Amino acid sequence: MQKGFCSAINGGHISISKITLHCDIETTGLSTQFNSITMIGIFNGKETKTYIKDINLHEAREELEKYKQLVTFNGARFDIPFIEHEFPGFFNHLHIDLMYPLKKIGYSGGLKKIECTLE
């Protein structure tokens, strides 16, 4: 990165937590057509929020829309299609799916396996 960009971040001009959201979902199965989201967990770098079906899941869209960038693991194939199905027309974000760069540097398997390897 250019020094000016890093200085801007470090100088408080850009707050990553204001634009980036880490997101993970749980569902009743693997198909967006036959299954549904049961939980959306998000972390913005400062706080964690949980949205649960039949309690407050409907509030997740408003929170997700506050951010420009979503970070997931296997989100391109799983999380994003489910979120789009739950909230049609929602997704207009820069998306970083950590599964692919981790695989390129030798980490494979599910997220929990990779987390254990990195501990």
N, C-alpha and C. Protein backbone atom coordinates (compact mmCIF):
# COMPACT_ATOMS: atom_id res chain seq x y z
N MET A 1 0.83 -1.18 0.00
CA MET A 1 0.00 0.00 0.00
C MET A 1 0.88 1.25 0.00
N GLN A 2 0.34 2.29 -0.51
CA GLN A 2 1.07 3.54 -0.52
C GLN A 2 1.12 4.12 0.88
N LYS A 3 2.23 4.81 1.16
CA LYS A 3 2.41 5.39 2.48
C LYS A 3 1.27 6.34 2.84
N GLY A 4 0.80 7.13 1.89
CA GLY A 4 -0.28 8.06 2.16
C GLY A 4 -1.55 7.36 2.62
N PHE A 5 -1.86 6.22 2.01
CA PHE A 5 -3.05 5.47 2.39
C PHE A 5 -2.91 4.97 3.82
N CYS A 6 -1.76 4.38 4.14
CA CYS A 6 -1.54 3.88 5.50
C CYS A 6 -1.57 5.01 6.51
N SER A 7 -0.99 6.13 6.17
CA SER A 7 -1.01 7.27 7.08
C SER A 7 -2.42 7.75 7.32
N ALA A 8 -3.22 7.73 6.27
CA ALA A 8 -4.61 8.16 6.43
C ALA A 8 -5.35 7.23 7.39
N ILE A 9 -5.12 5.94 7.25
CA ILE A 9 -5.77 4.99 8.15
C ILE A 9 -5.28 5.22 9.57
N ASN A 10 -3.97 5.27 9.74
CA ASN A 10 -3.41 5.43 11.07
C ASN A 10 -3.71 6.79 11.67
N GLY A 11 -3.87 7.78 10.82
CA GLY A 11 -4.16 9.12 11.30
C GLY A 11 -5.63 9.34 11.63
N GLY A 12 -6.44 8.31 11.46
CA GLY A 12 -7.84 8.41 11.81
C GLY A 12 -8.74 8.93 10.71
N HIS A 13 -8.19 9.15 9.52
CA HIS A 13 -9.01 9.64 8.42
C HIS A 13 -9.93 8.56 7.86
N ILE A 14 -9.48 7.31 7.93
CA ILE A 14 -10.28 6.18 7.47
C ILE A 14 -10.36 5.19 8.61
N SER A 15 -11.55 4.80 8.96
CA SER A 15 -11.73 3.79 9.99
C SER A 15 -12.22 2.52 9.33
N ILE A 16 -11.38 1.48 9.36
CA ILE A 16 -11.75 0.22 8.75
C ILE A 16 -13.05 -0.30 9.35
N SER A 17 -13.26 -0.11 10.65
CA SER A 17 -14.47 -0.61 11.28
C SER A 17 -15.73 0.10 10.77
N LYS A 18 -15.56 1.26 10.13
CA LYS A 18 -16.73 1.95 9.59
C LYS A 18 -17.10 1.46 8.21
N ILE A 19 -16.20 0.75 7.54
CA ILE A 19 -16.51 0.27 6.19
C ILE A 19 -16.49 -1.24 6.07
N THR A 20 -15.88 -1.95 7.01
CA THR A 20 -15.70 -3.39 6.88
C THR A 20 -16.47 -4.15 7.94
N LEU A 21 -17.14 -5.19 7.50
CA LEU A 21 -17.93 -6.03 8.39
C LEU A 21 -17.55 -7.49 8.15
N HIS A 22 -17.24 -8.19 9.22
CA HIS A 22 -16.99 -9.63 9.15
C HIS A 22 -18.31 -10.32 9.41
N CYS A 23 -18.66 -11.29 8.60
CA CYS A 23 -19.99 -11.87 8.66
C CYS A 23 -19.93 -13.39 8.55
N ASP A 24 -20.78 -14.06 9.32
CA ASP A 24 -20.93 -15.51 9.24
C ASP A 24 -22.39 -15.84 9.50
N ILE A 25 -22.88 -16.87 8.83
CA ILE A 25 -24.28 -17.26 9.02
C ILE A 25 -24.37 -18.73 9.40
N GLU A 26 -25.48 -19.08 9.98
CA GLU A 26 -25.86 -20.48 10.22
C GLU A 26 -27.21 -20.66 9.55
N THR A 27 -27.43 -21.87 9.02
CA THR A 27 -28.67 -22.15 8.29
C THR A 27 -29.23 -23.50 8.69
N THR A 28 -30.43 -23.78 8.18
CA THR A 28 -31.06 -25.08 8.43
C THR A 28 -30.59 -26.14 7.44
N GLY A 29 -29.79 -25.76 6.46
CA GLY A 29 -29.29 -26.70 5.45
C GLY A 29 -28.45 -25.99 4.42
N LEU A 30 -28.23 -26.64 3.28
CA LEU A 30 -27.29 -26.13 2.29
C LEU A 30 -27.96 -25.46 1.08
N SER A 31 -29.27 -25.56 0.95
CA SER A 31 -29.96 -25.05 -0.22
C SER A 31 -30.70 -23.75 0.10
N THR A 32 -30.46 -22.73 -0.70
CA THR A 32 -31.18 -21.47 -0.49
C THR A 32 -32.66 -21.62 -0.85
N GLN A 33 -32.99 -22.61 -1.66
CA GLN A 33 -34.38 -22.81 -2.07
C GLN A 33 -35.21 -23.51 -1.00
N PHE A 34 -34.57 -24.40 -0.22
CA PHE A 34 -35.31 -25.23 0.73
C PHE A 34 -34.96 -24.96 2.19
N ASN A 35 -33.91 -24.20 2.43
CA ASN A 35 -33.45 -23.95 3.79
C ASN A 35 -33.40 -22.45 4.04
N SER A 36 -33.20 -22.07 5.30
CA SER A 36 -33.20 -20.64 5.63
C SER A 36 -32.12 -20.32 6.65
N ILE A 37 -31.84 -19.05 6.76
CA ILE A 37 -30.87 -18.56 7.74
C ILE A 37 -31.48 -18.67 9.13
N THR A 38 -30.72 -19.17 10.07
CA THR A 38 -31.17 -19.21 11.47
C THR A 38 -30.44 -18.16 12.31
N MET A 39 -29.24 -17.75 11.85
CA MET A 39 -28.46 -16.78 12.61
C MET A 39 -27.48 -16.07 11.69
N ILE A 40 -27.33 -14.78 11.90
CA ILE A 40 -26.28 -14.00 11.24
C ILE A 40 -25.45 -13.37 12.35
N GLY A 41 -24.16 -13.65 12.34
CA GLY A 41 -23.24 -13.04 13.29
C GLY A 41 -22.36 -12.05 12.55
N ILE A 42 -22.19 -10.87 13.12
CA ILE A 42 -21.34 -9.86 12.48
C ILE A 42 -20.38 -9.27 13.49
N PHE A 43 -19.24 -8.82 12.97
CA PHE A 43 -18.22 -8.16 13.79
C PHE A 43 -17.63 -7.03 12.97
N ASN A 44 -17.66 -5.82 13.49
CA ASN A 44 -17.17 -4.67 12.74
C ASN A 44 -15.78 -4.20 13.19
N GLY A 45 -15.11 -5.03 13.96
CA GLY A 45 -13.80 -4.64 14.47
C GLY A 45 -13.86 -4.10 15.88
N LYS A 46 -15.06 -3.74 16.31
CA LYS A 46 -15.24 -3.21 17.65
C LYS A 46 -16.29 -3.97 18.44
N GLU A 47 -17.39 -4.30 17.78
CA GLU A 47 -18.45 -5.00 18.49
C GLU A 47 -19.04 -6.12 17.65
N THR A 48 -19.60 -7.09 18.35
CA THR A 48 -20.24 -8.24 17.73
C THR A 48 -21.74 -8.12 17.92
N LYS A 49 -22.48 -8.44 16.88
CA LYS A 49 -23.94 -8.47 16.97
C LYS A 49 -24.43 -9.79 16.40
N THR A 50 -25.52 -10.29 16.97
CA THR A 50 -26.10 -11.55 16.53
C THR A 50 -27.57 -11.32 16.21
N TYR A 51 -27.96 -11.83 15.06
CA TYR A 51 -29.35 -11.72 14.61
C TYR A 51 -29.90 -13.14 14.46
N ILE A 52 -31.03 -13.41 15.12
CA ILE A 52 -31.57 -14.75 15.20
C ILE A 52 -32.97 -14.80 14.60
N LYS A 53 -33.21 -15.87 13.82
CA LYS A 53 -34.52 -16.07 13.19
C LYS A 53 -35.63 -16.04 14.24
N ASP A 54 -36.73 -15.44 13.89
CA ASP A 54 -37.91 -15.30 14.74
C ASP A 54 -37.70 -14.40 15.96
N ILE A 55 -36.51 -13.77 16.05
CA ILE A 55 -36.28 -12.82 17.13
C ILE A 55 -35.94 -11.45 16.54
N ASN A 56 -34.81 -11.36 15.84
CA ASN A 56 -34.41 -10.06 15.30
C ASN A 56 -33.70 -10.16 13.95
N LEU A 57 -33.83 -11.29 13.27
CA LEU A 57 -33.14 -11.48 11.98
C LEU A 57 -33.50 -10.39 10.98
N HIS A 58 -34.73 -9.92 11.01
CA HIS A 58 -35.17 -8.88 10.09
C HIS A 58 -34.38 -7.57 10.25
N GLU A 59 -33.76 -7.36 11.40
CA GLU A 59 -32.96 -6.16 11.66
C GLU A 59 -31.57 -6.24 11.03
N ALA A 60 -31.16 -7.41 10.61
CA ALA A 60 -29.80 -7.60 10.09
C ALA A 60 -29.56 -6.80 8.82
N ARG A 61 -30.55 -6.72 7.97
CA ARG A 61 -30.37 -6.00 6.70
C ARG A 61 -29.90 -4.57 6.93
N GLU A 62 -30.56 -3.87 7.83
CA GLU A 62 -30.19 -2.48 8.11
C GLU A 62 -28.74 -2.38 8.58
N GLU A 63 -28.32 -3.30 9.43
CA GLU A 63 -26.94 -3.29 9.92
C GLU A 63 -25.96 -3.62 8.80
N LEU A 64 -26.27 -4.63 8.00
CA LEU A 64 -25.39 -5.02 6.90
C LEU A 64 -25.23 -3.89 5.89
N GLU A 65 -26.28 -3.12 5.66
CA GLU A 65 -26.24 -2.05 4.67
C GLU A 65 -25.38 -0.87 5.10
N LYS A 66 -24.98 -0.80 6.36
CA LYS A 66 -24.14 0.30 6.84
C LYS A 66 -22.70 0.19 6.34
N TYR A 67 -22.31 -0.97 5.86
CA TYR A 67 -20.91 -1.23 5.51
C TYR A 67 -20.73 -1.39 4.01
N LYS A 68 -19.54 -1.06 3.53
CA LYS A 68 -19.23 -1.14 2.12
C LYS A 68 -18.53 -2.45 1.75
N GLN A 69 -17.98 -3.11 2.75
CA GLN A 69 -17.14 -4.28 2.49
C GLN A 69 -17.51 -5.40 3.47
N LEU A 70 -17.74 -6.61 2.94
CA LEU A 70 -18.01 -7.78 3.77
C LEU A 70 -16.86 -8.76 3.67
N VAL A 71 -16.47 -9.31 4.81
CA VAL A 71 -15.44 -10.35 4.87
C VAL A 71 -16.12 -11.62 5.37
N THR A 72 -15.93 -12.70 4.62
CA THR A 72 -16.52 -13.99 4.98
C THR A 72 -15.50 -15.10 4.78
N PHE A 73 -15.89 -16.30 5.15
CA PHE A 73 -15.15 -17.50 4.79
C PHE A 73 -16.13 -18.40 4.04
N ASN A 74 -15.85 -18.68 2.80
CA ASN A 74 -16.73 -19.44 1.91
C ASN A 74 -18.04 -18.69 1.65
N GLY A 75 -18.00 -17.40 1.81
CA GLY A 75 -19.19 -16.58 1.62
C GLY A 75 -19.67 -16.49 0.19
N ALA A 76 -18.75 -16.55 -0.76
CA ALA A 76 -19.15 -16.45 -2.17
C ALA A 76 -20.08 -17.59 -2.55
N ARG A 77 -19.84 -18.76 -2.00
CA ARG A 77 -20.65 -19.94 -2.34
C ARG A 77 -21.76 -20.20 -1.34
N PHE A 78 -21.68 -19.63 -0.13
CA PHE A 78 -22.65 -19.99 0.89
C PHE A 78 -23.34 -18.77 1.49
N ASP A 79 -22.63 -17.97 2.26
CA ASP A 79 -23.25 -16.86 3.00
C ASP A 79 -23.97 -15.86 2.10
N ILE A 80 -23.30 -15.38 1.07
CA ILE A 80 -23.88 -14.34 0.23
C ILE A 80 -25.15 -14.83 -0.49
N PRO A 81 -25.15 -16.03 -1.09
CA PRO A 81 -26.41 -16.49 -1.70
C PRO A 81 -27.57 -16.58 -0.69
N PHE A 82 -27.30 -17.03 0.52
CA PHE A 82 -28.36 -17.10 1.52
C PHE A 82 -28.82 -15.70 1.94
N ILE A 83 -27.87 -14.79 2.14
CA ILE A 83 -28.24 -13.42 2.52
C ILE A 83 -29.05 -12.76 1.41
N GLU A 84 -28.64 -12.96 0.16
CA GLU A 84 -29.38 -12.42 -0.98
C GLU A 84 -30.80 -12.99 -1.05
N HIS A 85 -30.93 -14.26 -0.74
CA HIS A 85 -32.25 -14.90 -0.77
C HIS A 85 -33.14 -14.34 0.36
N GLU A 86 -32.54 -14.13 1.52
CA GLU A 86 -33.27 -13.58 2.67
C GLU A 86 -33.63 -12.11 2.48
N PHE A 87 -32.69 -11.35 1.89
CA PHE A 87 -32.87 -9.91 1.69
C PHE A 87 -32.61 -9.58 0.21
N PRO A 88 -33.56 -9.85 -0.67
CA PRO A 88 -33.35 -9.64 -2.12
C PRO A 88 -32.90 -8.21 -2.43
N GLY A 89 -31.94 -8.12 -3.34
CA GLY A 89 -31.43 -6.82 -3.77
C GLY A 89 -30.47 -6.18 -2.80
N PHE A 90 -30.12 -6.87 -1.74
CA PHE A 90 -29.26 -6.31 -0.70
C PHE A 90 -27.82 -6.15 -1.14
N PHE A 91 -27.26 -7.16 -1.79
CA PHE A 91 -25.81 -7.22 -1.91
C PHE A 91 -25.26 -6.29 -2.97
N ASN A 92 -24.53 -5.28 -2.51
CA ASN A 92 -23.84 -4.34 -3.40
C ASN A 92 -22.54 -3.93 -2.70
N HIS A 93 -21.81 -4.91 -2.21
CA HIS A 93 -20.62 -4.68 -1.40
C HIS A 93 -19.37 -5.22 -2.09
N LEU A 94 -18.24 -4.69 -1.69
CA LEU A 94 -16.99 -5.35 -1.99
C LEU A 94 -16.97 -6.57 -1.08
N HIS A 95 -16.67 -7.73 -1.63
CA HIS A 95 -16.70 -8.95 -0.83
C HIS A 95 -15.33 -9.60 -0.84
N ILE A 96 -14.82 -9.88 0.35
CA ILE A 96 -13.55 -10.59 0.50
C ILE A 96 -13.87 -11.95 1.12
N ASP A 97 -13.68 -13.00 0.33
CA ASP A 97 -13.89 -14.36 0.81
C ASP A 97 -12.53 -14.93 1.18
N LEU A 98 -12.28 -15.08 2.46
CA LEU A 98 -10.96 -15.50 2.95
C LEU A 98 -10.60 -16.93 2.57
N MET A 99 -11.58 -17.74 2.19
CA MET A 99 -11.28 -19.13 1.86
C MET A 99 -10.25 -19.24 0.72
N TYR A 100 -10.39 -18.41 -0.29
CA TYR A 100 -9.53 -18.53 -1.47
C TYR A 100 -8.09 -18.10 -1.22
N PRO A 101 -7.83 -16.94 -0.61
CA PRO A 101 -6.42 -16.61 -0.34
C PRO A 101 -5.78 -17.56 0.67
N LEU A 102 -6.55 -18.04 1.65
CA LEU A 102 -6.00 -19.00 2.60
C LEU A 102 -5.60 -20.29 1.91
N LYS A 103 -6.42 -20.73 0.97
CA LYS A 103 -6.10 -21.94 0.22
C LYS A 103 -4.81 -21.75 -0.59
N LYS A 104 -4.65 -20.56 -1.16
CA LYS A 104 -3.44 -20.27 -1.96
C LYS A 104 -2.16 -20.34 -1.13
N ILE A 105 -2.26 -20.06 0.16
CA ILE A 105 -1.05 -20.10 1.00
C ILE A 105 -0.97 -21.38 1.83
N GLY A 106 -1.78 -22.38 1.44
CA GLY A 106 -1.61 -23.70 2.02
C GLY A 106 -2.58 -24.11 3.11
N TYR A 107 -3.57 -23.31 3.40
CA TYR A 107 -4.55 -23.67 4.42
C TYR A 107 -5.81 -24.18 3.73
N SER A 108 -6.24 -25.38 4.10
CA SER A 108 -7.44 -25.93 3.50
C SER A 108 -8.31 -26.58 4.57
N GLY A 109 -9.51 -26.94 4.17
CA GLY A 109 -10.47 -27.50 5.11
C GLY A 109 -11.43 -26.41 5.54
N GLY A 110 -12.25 -26.71 6.49
CA GLY A 110 -13.21 -25.74 6.98
C GLY A 110 -12.56 -24.69 7.85
N LEU A 111 -13.31 -23.68 8.16
CA LEU A 111 -12.79 -22.56 8.95
C LEU A 111 -12.30 -23.02 10.31
N LYS A 112 -13.05 -23.89 10.98
CA LYS A 112 -12.64 -24.35 12.31
C LYS A 112 -11.30 -25.08 12.26
N LYS A 113 -11.09 -25.88 11.23
CA LYS A 113 -9.81 -26.58 11.08
C LYS A 113 -8.68 -25.59 10.87
N ILE A 114 -8.91 -24.60 10.04
CA ILE A 114 -7.88 -23.59 9.78
C ILE A 114 -7.59 -22.78 11.03
N GLU A 115 -8.64 -22.41 11.77
CA GLU A 115 -8.43 -21.67 13.03
C GLU A 115 -7.56 -22.46 14.00
N CYS A 116 -7.80 -23.77 14.11
CA CYS A 116 -6.99 -24.60 15.01
C CYS A 116 -5.53 -24.65 14.54
N THR A 117 -5.34 -24.68 13.22
CA THR A 117 -3.97 -24.70 12.67
C THR A 117 -3.24 -23.41 12.98
N LEU A 118 -3.94 -22.31 13.00
CA LEU A 118 -3.32 -20.99 13.21
C LEU A 118 -3.11 -20.65 14.68
N GLU A 119 -3.70 -21.43 15.60
CA GLU A 119 -3.55 -21.12 17.03
C GLU A 119 -2.15 -21.41 17.50
